[in-house]
Amino acid sequence: MLEDNDVKRVLAEALAGGGDLAEIYVEDKSSSSLRLEADRVEDVASGRDAGAGVRLISGDKASYAYTNLLTTEGLLEAARSARAGLVGSPGKIADLTRVTGPTHEVRIDPSSIDAGEKVQALQAANDAARSAGAEVSQVICSYSDVHQKVLIANSNGLYATDDRTRVRFVCYVVASRDGTIATGFEGPGHAGGYELLNQRPVDELAASAARKAIVMLDAQPAPAGEFPVVLAPGAGGVLIHEACGHGLEADTLVKQASVYAGRHGERFGSERITIVDDGTVPGKWGSLGVDDEGTPAQRTVLFEDGVLVGHISDVQSAAKIQAPPTGNGRRQSYAHLPIVRMTNTNLLPGPDNHDGIISSIRNGVYAASFAGGQVNPATGNFVFGMSEAYMIIDGEIAHPIKGANLIGNGPEVLARIEAIAGDYDSWDGVCGKDGQHAPVTTGMATVLLGKMTVGGTQT
């Protein structure tokens, strides 16, 4: 994307006033998206955005400047802006050394599929959702693909490139009956090509979203109190992402703003609990080759056999805790500084059985999927809304419930995991932090939490 000599000139310009590390991040991104609502394709968009950012790190401080002018002079001007105000001896530029990470296969290039075929996929999903029942009142489906090429180089000699393609298909269904409204959602994505729509047929996705919405029309008010709670495979992983993962991002740890700070080596749960963040998983939505600082993606164990053993970091936070970066420096675009972000965060499957877990419960709650929530990393306290939930009565999943919230504390949740099944599944979403968004995957098998506080509306 840039000649080596140009890269070195930009880095040298950034370090001309001193500093510890200069970095250039170059991005060329093309995307397309389509959206169907009210039985019509409302939005068809495509575009291309290219630019570069130059970062200069000096001690604990970092300055950043970016430009969409990928000319030599444009990049040099960004470098001058990044070092504005620094006065010192020019830093040295090491010889550039190529760094590589895992690759993720693209079987069908999305750009080879014309818009007409993508429209047909949206219409097929819409038809499938509406065929699920007369209660379906609204269907919104969207398709998106992104092809992103990045180059990252720094004054320590790192030089990395990554070629990323991601595709996602989303179905959102609203059902209504006698003034009652309920919703259902499906939204798989992957690091790969248009083959996603073959792996996850859109009519099946839409029918599933519609089924959820229709079932929840019959939901009864959720009870309040303490119950055993079973987390469904896949979507239940959101709890691990929020309640545990964010607290182990090293930028939070170094500020002592995490409930996990200073607790490395401490046991939090049983020996069956192992949680990893793994950006190398082939084809997963949160996977990449190298992160947005050029560090190769890797598998990082956070909890092993119930003991806190790891964290995730970017270059700056890793330097503060004197450990190698874990490949979790991510940014939304060239206009953003990298920050510590999760990739694919998973509670690994265990030895138990889904049916056995359900049958062991006399009166409990089954959390099939979560909606919005709040987590305080400093205390670990959280509240999550359940968008799809059911009562478990006498060992069977019974009627759906509405208005249910799960209330608890991250470290305490780990201590309350009593069973983990082997039916692992994953859920794809978009994580927001510091105004930036990144694709992430969470995953787990069926999990039993022995006792949790459920906030409900039943009187």
Protein backbone atom coordinates (compact mmCIF):
# COMPACT_ATOMS: atom_id res chain seq x y z
CA MET A 1 0.00 0.00 0.00
CA LEU A 2 3.06 2.22 0.56
CA GLU A 3 6.67 1.82 -0.47
CA ASP A 4 9.08 1.02 2.35
CA ASN A 5 11.01 4.23 1.79
CA ASP A 6 7.83 6.29 2.17
CA VAL A 7 6.99 4.46 5.39
CA LYS A 8 10.43 5.20 6.81
CA ARG A 9 10.22 8.87 5.81
CA VAL A 10 6.90 9.28 7.60
CA LEU A 11 8.16 7.53 10.74
CA ALA A 12 11.34 9.61 10.74
CA GLU A 13 9.32 12.81 10.39
CA ALA A 14 7.14 11.82 13.33
CA LEU A 15 10.23 11.16 15.48
CA ALA A 16 12.05 14.30 14.41
CA GLY A 17 11.09 16.01 17.67
CA GLY A 18 11.79 12.99 19.86
CA GLY A 19 9.54 10.32 21.29
CA ASP A 20 9.66 6.62 22.10
CA LEU A 21 7.68 5.10 19.24
CA ALA A 22 6.23 6.30 15.95
CA GLU A 23 3.59 4.32 14.10
CA ILE A 24 1.73 4.62 10.81
CA TYR A 25 -1.59 2.90 10.12
CA VAL A 26 -2.87 2.87 6.54
CA GLU A 27 -6.35 1.67 5.64
CA ASP A 28 -8.20 1.07 2.36
CA LYS A 29 -11.78 -0.04 2.98
CA SER A 30 -14.65 -0.75 0.61
CA SER A 31 -18.12 -1.73 1.74
CA SER A 32 -21.65 -2.40 0.58
CA SER A 33 -24.93 -2.66 2.44
CA LEU A 34 -28.59 -3.21 1.70
CA ARG A 35 -31.62 -2.88 3.98
CA LEU A 36 -35.18 -4.11 3.56
CA GLU A 37 -38.08 -2.73 5.56
CA ALA A 38 -41.84 -2.74 5.00
CA ASP A 39 -41.39 -5.28 2.18
CA ARG A 40 -39.16 -2.91 0.23
CA VAL A 41 -35.44 -2.47 -0.16
CA GLU A 42 -35.02 1.01 1.29
CA ASP A 43 -31.27 1.50 1.32
CA VAL A 44 -28.57 0.32 -1.07
CA ALA A 45 -25.18 1.81 -0.38
CA SER A 46 -21.59 1.21 -1.30
CA GLY A 47 -18.46 3.18 -0.77
CA ARG A 48 -14.75 3.30 -0.35
CA ASP A 49 -12.70 5.10 2.28
CA ALA A 50 -8.94 5.31 2.47
CA GLY A 51 -6.61 7.16 4.77
CA ALA A 52 -3.83 6.93 7.29
CA GLY A 53 -3.11 7.82 10.88
CA VAL A 54 0.25 8.63 12.48
CA ARG A 55 0.74 8.06 16.19
CA LEU A 56 3.63 9.20 18.34
CA ILE A 57 4.11 7.73 21.83
CA SER A 58 6.26 9.56 24.35
CA GLY A 59 6.21 8.13 27.85
CA ASP A 60 2.62 7.76 28.99
CA LYS A 61 1.34 10.18 26.38
CA ALA A 62 0.30 9.63 22.78
CA SER A 63 -0.56 12.10 20.05
CA TYR A 64 -2.37 11.23 16.85
CA ALA A 65 -3.09 12.82 13.50
CA TYR A 66 -4.83 11.36 10.47
CA THR A 67 -5.43 12.23 6.84
CA ASN A 68 -7.32 10.92 3.84
CA LEU A 69 -4.61 12.22 1.53
CA LEU A 70 -2.43 9.18 0.83
CA THR A 71 0.28 11.24 -0.84
CA THR A 72 3.81 11.51 0.49
CA GLU A 73 3.28 15.13 1.47
CA GLY A 74 -0.09 14.39 3.05
CA LEU A 75 1.43 11.67 5.21
CA LEU A 76 4.42 13.82 6.16
CA GLU A 77 2.07 16.61 7.21
CA ALA A 78 0.17 14.18 9.43
CA ALA A 79 3.49 13.13 10.97
CA ARG A 80 4.37 16.77 11.67
CA SER A 81 0.99 17.32 13.29
CA ALA A 82 1.42 14.24 15.47
CA ARG A 83 4.75 15.49 16.85
CA ALA A 84 3.69 19.11 17.29
CA GLY A 85 4.92 20.43 20.63
CA LEU A 86 7.62 17.81 21.17
CA VAL A 87 11.20 19.04 21.26
CA GLY A 88 14.11 16.65 21.52
CA SER A 89 16.61 14.53 19.67
CA PRO A 90 15.27 12.69 16.62
CA GLY A 91 14.46 9.05 17.29
CA LYS A 92 15.92 6.15 15.35
CA ILE A 93 14.10 3.98 12.81
CA ALA A 94 14.88 0.26 12.90
CA ASP A 95 14.97 -1.84 9.74
CA LEU A 96 11.50 -2.97 8.78
CA THR A 97 10.73 -6.64 9.45
CA ARG A 98 7.61 -8.32 8.07
CA VAL A 99 5.21 -9.71 10.66
CA THR A 100 2.43 -12.11 9.68
CA GLY A 101 -0.58 -13.61 11.42
CA PRO A 102 -3.24 -16.20 10.60
CA THR A 103 -5.31 -15.86 7.43
CA HIS A 104 -9.06 -16.34 7.11
CA GLU A 105 -10.42 -17.93 3.96
CA VAL A 106 -12.77 -16.07 1.62
CA ARG A 107 -14.48 -18.63 -0.59
CA ILE A 108 -16.87 -16.29 -2.38
CA ASP A 109 -15.72 -12.71 -2.86
CA PRO A 110 -18.74 -10.51 -1.97
CA SER A 111 -17.79 -8.09 -4.74
CA SER A 112 -18.43 -10.87 -7.26
CA ILE A 113 -22.10 -11.01 -6.20
CA ASP A 114 -24.29 -8.42 -7.90
CA ALA A 115 -26.76 -6.31 -5.97
CA GLY A 116 -29.69 -8.17 -7.49
CA GLU A 117 -28.71 -11.43 -5.83
CA LYS A 118 -28.28 -9.70 -2.49
CA VAL A 119 -31.75 -8.15 -2.88
CA GLN A 120 -33.18 -11.62 -3.55
CA ALA A 121 -31.62 -12.85 -0.30
CA LEU A 122 -33.29 -10.02 1.62
CA GLN A 123 -36.63 -10.75 -0.03
CA ALA A 124 -36.33 -14.47 0.75
CA ALA A 125 -35.71 -13.65 4.40
CA ASN A 126 -38.64 -11.25 4.47
CA ASP A 127 -40.96 -13.87 2.94
CA ALA A 128 -39.82 -16.53 5.42
CA ALA A 129 -40.40 -14.25 8.39
CA ARG A 130 -43.85 -13.20 7.26
CA SER A 131 -44.80 -16.81 6.54
CA ALA A 132 -44.17 -17.68 10.18
CA GLY A 133 -47.54 -16.31 11.26
CA ALA A 134 -50.12 -13.56 10.94
CA GLU A 135 -48.74 -11.95 14.11
CA VAL A 136 -45.61 -10.79 12.28
CA SER A 137 -46.13 -7.07 11.80
CA GLN A 138 -42.70 -5.79 10.84
CA VAL A 139 -39.59 -7.31 9.28
CA ILE A 140 -36.26 -5.54 8.90
CA CYS A 141 -33.42 -7.38 7.18
CA SER A 142 -29.99 -6.09 6.30
CA TYR A 143 -26.92 -7.36 4.52
CA SER A 144 -23.44 -5.85 4.75
CA ASP A 145 -19.94 -6.68 3.62
CA VAL A 146 -16.62 -4.96 4.22
CA HIS A 147 -13.24 -5.50 2.57
CA GLN A 148 -10.47 -3.83 4.51
CA LYS A 149 -6.76 -3.78 3.74
CA VAL A 150 -4.43 -2.35 6.36
CA LEU A 151 -0.73 -1.66 6.70
CA ILE A 152 0.88 -1.01 10.07
CA ALA A 153 4.51 -0.07 10.60
CA ASN A 154 6.42 1.43 13.50
CA SER A 155 9.85 2.76 14.35
CA ASN A 156 10.80 -0.45 16.17
CA GLY A 157 10.87 -2.13 12.77
CA LEU A 158 7.48 -3.83 12.76
CA TYR A 159 5.80 -4.00 9.35
CA ALA A 160 2.51 -5.86 9.00
CA THR A 161 -0.36 -6.06 6.55
CA ASP A 162 -3.78 -7.66 6.83
CA ASP A 163 -6.51 -8.34 4.29
CA ARG A 164 -9.90 -8.64 6.00
CA THR A 165 -13.29 -9.49 4.55
CA ARG A 166 -16.38 -9.63 6.75
CA VAL A 167 -20.02 -10.37 5.91
CA ARG A 168 -23.09 -10.11 8.14
CA PHE A 169 -26.82 -10.77 7.66
CA VAL A 170 -29.33 -9.47 10.21
CA CYS A 171 -33.03 -10.23 10.67
CA TYR A 172 -35.17 -8.24 13.13
CA VAL A 173 -38.82 -9.21 13.47
CA VAL A 174 -41.66 -7.54 15.35
CA ALA A 175 -44.81 -9.49 16.23
CA SER A 176 -47.99 -8.04 17.67
CA ARG A 177 -51.27 -9.32 19.03
CA ASP A 178 -54.03 -7.45 20.86
CA GLY A 179 -51.74 -4.56 21.71
CA THR A 180 -48.86 -6.75 22.86
CA ILE A 181 -45.57 -6.37 20.98
CA ALA A 182 -42.54 -8.68 21.00
CA THR A 183 -39.35 -8.92 18.97
CA GLY A 184 -36.95 -11.54 17.67
CA PHE A 185 -33.43 -11.19 16.32
CA GLU A 186 -30.81 -13.16 14.40
CA GLY A 187 -27.57 -11.60 13.15
CA PRO A 188 -24.71 -13.93 12.24
CA GLY A 189 -21.48 -12.65 10.75
CA HIS A 190 -18.05 -14.04 9.95
CA ALA A 191 -14.56 -13.24 8.77
CA GLY A 192 -15.03 -14.59 5.28
CA GLY A 193 -17.05 -14.10 2.15
CA TYR A 194 -20.55 -14.42 0.75
CA GLU A 195 -20.52 -18.13 1.60
CA LEU A 196 -21.98 -17.09 4.96
CA LEU A 197 -25.40 -17.10 3.30
CA ASN A 198 -24.88 -20.72 2.30
CA GLN A 199 -23.70 -21.71 5.76
CA ARG A 200 -26.55 -19.84 7.49
CA PRO A 201 -29.51 -19.84 5.03
CA VAL A 202 -31.38 -16.56 5.27
CA ASP A 203 -34.85 -18.15 5.27
CA GLU A 204 -33.91 -20.21 8.34
CA LEU A 205 -32.51 -17.14 10.10
CA ALA A 206 -35.65 -15.12 9.42
CA ALA A 207 -37.95 -17.97 10.49
CA SER A 208 -35.99 -18.28 13.75
CA ALA A 209 -36.26 -14.54 14.45
CA ALA A 210 -39.99 -14.64 13.72
CA ARG A 211 -40.50 -17.69 15.95
CA LYS A 212 -38.82 -15.87 18.86
CA ALA A 213 -41.03 -12.84 18.39
CA ILE A 214 -44.26 -14.87 18.18
CA VAL A 215 -43.38 -17.03 21.19
CA MET A 216 -42.66 -13.97 23.31
CA LEU A 217 -46.17 -12.65 22.65
CA ASP A 218 -47.34 -15.21 25.18
CA ALA A 219 -44.74 -14.20 27.77
CA GLN A 220 -45.91 -13.78 31.35
CA PRO A 221 -44.45 -11.20 33.74
CA ALA A 222 -41.12 -12.37 35.12
CA PRO A 223 -40.90 -13.17 38.81
CA ALA A 224 -38.47 -11.38 41.09
CA GLY A 225 -36.13 -13.09 43.49
CA GLU A 226 -33.25 -15.54 43.60
CA PHE A 227 -33.35 -18.46 41.18
CA PRO A 228 -31.05 -20.93 39.51
CA VAL A 229 -30.43 -19.49 36.05
CA VAL A 230 -29.48 -21.45 32.95
CA LEU A 231 -27.68 -19.54 30.20
CA ALA A 232 -28.34 -20.74 26.67
CA PRO A 233 -25.40 -21.74 24.46
CA GLY A 234 -24.03 -18.95 22.29
CA ALA A 235 -25.97 -15.88 23.38
CA GLY A 236 -25.18 -16.54 27.04
CA GLY A 237 -21.56 -15.73 26.24
CA VAL A 238 -22.50 -12.04 26.25
CA LEU A 239 -22.48 -12.28 30.04
CA ILE A 240 -18.85 -13.50 30.04
CA HIS A 241 -17.87 -10.79 27.55
CA GLU A 242 -19.35 -8.00 29.64
CA ALA A 243 -18.93 -9.20 33.21
CA CYS A 244 -15.45 -10.70 32.84
CA GLY A 245 -13.82 -9.67 29.56
CA HIS A 246 -14.03 -5.88 29.90
CA GLY A 247 -12.57 -6.04 33.38
CA LEU A 248 -9.49 -7.83 31.99
CA GLU A 249 -8.68 -5.20 29.36
CA ALA A 250 -5.28 -3.94 30.43
CA ASP A 251 -6.06 -0.26 29.93
CA THR A 252 -8.59 -0.67 32.73
CA LEU A 253 -6.27 -2.78 34.86
CA VAL A 254 -3.39 -0.28 34.81
CA LYS A 255 -5.74 2.43 36.08
CA GLN A 256 -6.79 0.16 38.95
CA ALA A 257 -10.31 0.65 37.61
CA SER A 258 -11.13 -3.05 37.41
CA VAL A 259 -12.41 -5.44 40.04
CA TYR A 260 -9.75 -7.88 38.76
CA ALA A 261 -6.78 -5.52 39.27
CA GLY A 262 -4.02 -7.05 41.39
CA ARG A 263 -5.76 -10.42 41.61
CA HIS A 264 -3.66 -12.48 39.17
CA GLY A 265 -3.41 -16.06 40.39
CA GLU A 266 -6.57 -15.86 42.48
CA ARG A 267 -9.24 -18.54 42.15
CA PHE A 268 -12.67 -17.26 41.08
CA GLY A 269 -14.51 -20.45 40.20
CA SER A 270 -14.36 -24.20 39.86
CA GLU A 271 -11.77 -26.14 37.89
CA ARG A 272 -14.20 -26.58 35.01
CA ILE A 273 -14.01 -22.85 34.13
CA THR A 274 -11.58 -21.82 31.37
CA ILE A 275 -12.14 -18.56 29.48
CA VAL A 276 -10.08 -17.50 26.46
CA ASP A 277 -9.92 -14.57 24.08
CA ASP A 278 -8.86 -15.93 20.69
CA GLY A 279 -8.51 -13.81 17.56
CA THR A 280 -7.11 -16.73 15.55
CA VAL A 281 -10.27 -18.86 15.26
CA PRO A 282 -10.77 -19.49 11.52
CA GLY A 283 -13.65 -17.51 10.09
CA LYS A 284 -15.04 -16.09 13.32
CA TRP A 285 -16.59 -12.61 13.22
CA GLY A 286 -14.05 -11.21 15.69
CA SER A 287 -11.00 -12.87 14.10
CA LEU A 288 -8.15 -11.10 12.32
CA GLY A 289 -4.62 -11.72 11.09
CA VAL A 290 -2.88 -8.95 12.99
CA ASP A 291 -4.45 -6.36 15.24
CA ASP A 292 -4.49 -2.67 14.37
CA GLU A 293 -1.01 -2.20 15.84
CA GLY A 294 0.47 -5.04 13.79
CA THR A 295 0.65 -7.59 16.61
CA PRO A 296 -0.31 -11.05 15.32
CA ALA A 297 -3.66 -12.33 16.56
CA GLN A 298 -3.32 -14.90 19.31
CA ARG A 299 -5.11 -17.07 21.81
CA THR A 300 -4.96 -15.65 25.33
CA VAL A 301 -6.15 -17.65 28.33
CA LEU A 302 -7.87 -15.37 30.86
CA PHE A 303 -9.09 -17.91 33.40
CA GLU A 304 -7.66 -21.42 33.53
CA ASP A 305 -9.35 -24.04 35.70
CA GLY A 306 -11.08 -21.23 37.57
CA VAL A 307 -7.89 -19.23 38.26
CA LEU A 308 -7.21 -15.75 36.84
CA VAL A 309 -4.09 -16.15 34.70
CA GLY A 310 -4.23 -13.56 31.91
CA HIS A 311 -5.39 -10.27 30.46
CA ILE A 312 -5.65 -8.66 27.04
CA SER A 313 -3.61 -5.63 26.00
CA ASP A 314 -2.45 -3.24 23.32
CA VAL A 315 1.07 -1.82 22.94
CA GLN A 316 0.74 1.03 25.44
CA SER A 317 -1.00 -0.89 28.22
CA ALA A 318 1.36 -3.86 27.74
CA ALA A 319 4.36 -1.56 28.25
CA LYS A 320 2.89 -0.27 31.49
CA ILE A 321 2.52 -3.76 32.93
CA GLN A 322 5.81 -4.92 31.38
CA ALA A 323 4.32 -7.74 29.33
CA PRO A 324 4.12 -8.44 25.59
CA PRO A 325 0.98 -7.13 23.85
CA THR A 326 -1.66 -9.81 23.26
CA GLY A 327 -2.91 -8.66 19.85
CA ASN A 328 -5.96 -6.78 21.13
CA GLY A 329 -5.19 -3.24 19.96
CA ARG A 330 -8.13 -2.42 17.68
CA ARG A 331 -9.52 0.72 16.10
CA GLN A 332 -12.70 1.54 14.21
CA SER A 333 -10.83 3.23 11.38
CA TYR A 334 -7.73 5.22 10.50
CA ALA A 335 -9.40 8.21 12.17
CA HIS A 336 -9.22 6.52 15.58
CA LEU A 337 -6.52 5.65 18.09
CA PRO A 338 -6.20 1.94 18.90
CA ILE A 339 -7.68 0.80 22.21
CA VAL A 340 -7.81 -2.55 23.99
CA ARG A 341 -10.67 -4.67 22.63
CA MET A 342 -11.77 -8.28 22.80
CA THR A 343 -11.94 -10.49 19.69
CA ASN A 344 -13.64 -13.90 20.21
CA THR A 345 -14.20 -14.43 23.94
CA ASN A 346 -15.30 -17.91 24.98
CA LEU A 347 -16.07 -19.96 28.05
CA LEU A 348 -14.84 -23.37 26.94
CA PRO A 349 -17.30 -26.30 26.98
CA GLY A 350 -17.46 -28.68 29.90
CA PRO A 351 -18.44 -32.25 30.79
CA ASP A 352 -22.10 -31.78 31.64
CA ASN A 353 -25.25 -32.38 29.61
CA HIS A 354 -27.84 -29.80 28.53
CA ASP A 355 -30.84 -32.02 29.27
CA GLY A 356 -29.37 -33.08 32.58
CA ILE A 357 -28.89 -29.44 33.62
CA ILE A 358 -32.49 -28.54 32.77
CA SER A 359 -33.97 -31.63 34.41
CA SER A 360 -32.12 -30.89 37.66
CA ILE A 361 -34.02 -27.63 38.24
CA ARG A 362 -37.40 -27.48 39.97
CA ASN A 363 -37.98 -23.72 39.66
CA GLY A 364 -35.58 -21.56 37.68
CA VAL A 365 -35.06 -19.26 34.71
CA TYR A 366 -33.72 -20.09 31.24
CA ALA A 367 -32.00 -17.06 29.62
CA ALA A 368 -32.08 -17.69 25.88
CA SER A 369 -30.79 -14.28 24.81
CA PHE A 370 -29.88 -10.91 26.29
CA ALA A 371 -30.75 -7.34 25.37
CA GLY A 372 -29.00 -4.26 26.70
CA GLY A 373 -27.23 -4.03 30.02
CA GLN A 374 -24.83 -2.11 32.20
CA VAL A 375 -21.53 -3.22 33.74
CA ASN A 376 -19.25 -1.33 36.11
CA PRO A 377 -15.71 -2.74 35.56
CA ALA A 378 -14.49 -1.19 38.82
CA THR A 379 -16.93 -3.19 40.93
CA GLY A 380 -17.98 -5.96 38.54
CA ASN A 381 -21.65 -5.20 39.21
CA PHE A 382 -23.98 -5.66 36.26
CA VAL A 383 -27.62 -5.62 35.16
CA PHE A 384 -28.66 -7.35 31.93
CA GLY A 385 -32.07 -7.47 30.30
CA MET A 386 -33.24 -10.80 28.89
CA SER A 387 -34.86 -10.41 25.48
CA GLU A 388 -35.91 -14.06 25.40
CA ALA A 389 -36.37 -16.03 28.61
CA TYR A 390 -38.45 -18.88 30.02
CA MET A 391 -39.34 -20.39 33.36
CA ILE A 392 -37.99 -23.84 34.15
CA ILE A 393 -40.57 -25.81 36.12
CA ASP A 394 -40.09 -29.36 37.36
CA GLY A 395 -37.14 -30.00 35.07
CA GLU A 396 -38.70 -28.67 31.86
CA ILE A 397 -38.54 -25.38 29.97
CA ALA A 398 -42.02 -23.95 30.43
CA HIS A 399 -43.69 -20.66 29.51
CA PRO A 400 -41.84 -17.54 28.27
CA ILE A 401 -41.39 -14.57 30.59
CA LYS A 402 -40.95 -10.86 29.91
CA GLY A 403 -39.37 -7.98 31.77
CA ALA A 404 -36.65 -10.19 33.27
CA ASN A 405 -33.29 -8.73 34.33
CA LEU A 406 -30.23 -10.60 35.52
CA ILE A 407 -28.49 -8.80 38.37
CA GLY A 408 -25.11 -9.78 39.76
CA ASN A 409 -21.35 -9.34 39.97
CA GLY A 410 -18.74 -10.61 37.51
CA PRO A 411 -16.40 -12.42 39.91
CA GLU A 412 -19.37 -13.82 41.83
CA VAL A 413 -20.90 -15.18 38.61
CA LEU A 414 -17.82 -17.32 38.05
CA ALA A 415 -18.15 -18.71 41.57
CA ARG A 416 -21.78 -19.60 40.90
CA ILE A 417 -21.16 -21.65 37.75
CA GLU A 418 -22.15 -25.16 38.81
CA ALA A 419 -22.33 -26.93 35.44
CA ILE A 420 -21.07 -26.42 31.88
CA ALA A 421 -22.38 -28.56 29.04
CA GLY A 422 -20.62 -29.56 25.84
CA ASP A 423 -23.06 -27.95 23.37
CA TYR A 424 -20.87 -24.94 22.55
CA ASP A 425 -22.29 -22.23 20.28
CA SER A 426 -21.33 -18.62 19.53
CA TRP A 427 -23.02 -15.27 19.04
CA ASP A 428 -21.81 -12.40 16.84
CA GLY A 429 -22.20 -8.77 17.77
CA VAL A 430 -20.70 -5.31 17.78
CA CYS A 431 -19.00 -4.04 20.94
CA GLY A 432 -18.88 -0.35 21.75
CA LYS A 433 -16.14 1.27 23.82
CA ASP A 434 -14.87 4.86 24.01
CA GLY A 435 -17.05 5.81 21.05
CA GLN A 436 -15.61 3.08 18.81
CA HIS A 437 -17.24 -0.11 17.55
CA ALA A 438 -15.64 -3.46 16.75
CA PRO A 439 -16.92 -6.86 15.59
CA VAL A 440 -16.71 -9.45 18.36
CA THR A 441 -17.87 -13.00 18.98
CA THR A 442 -18.85 -14.46 22.32
CA GLY A 443 -19.45 -18.11 23.00
CA MET A 444 -20.29 -20.75 25.56
CA ALA A 445 -22.22 -23.96 26.03
CA THR A 446 -25.26 -24.34 28.29
CA VAL A 447 -24.27 -23.06 31.75
CA LEU A 448 -25.98 -23.40 35.12
CA LEU A 449 -25.65 -20.53 37.59
CA GLY A 450 -26.64 -21.97 40.94
CA LYS A 451 -28.32 -18.87 42.34
CA MET A 452 -28.78 -15.43 40.76
CA THR A 453 -30.94 -12.40 41.41
CA VAL A 454 -33.66 -11.98 38.80
CA GLY A 455 -35.40 -8.66 38.60
CA GLY A 456 -38.98 -9.06 37.39
CA THR A 457 -42.33 -7.31 37.18
CA GLN A 458 -44.59 -9.99 38.62
CA THR A 459 -46.40 -8.83 41.74
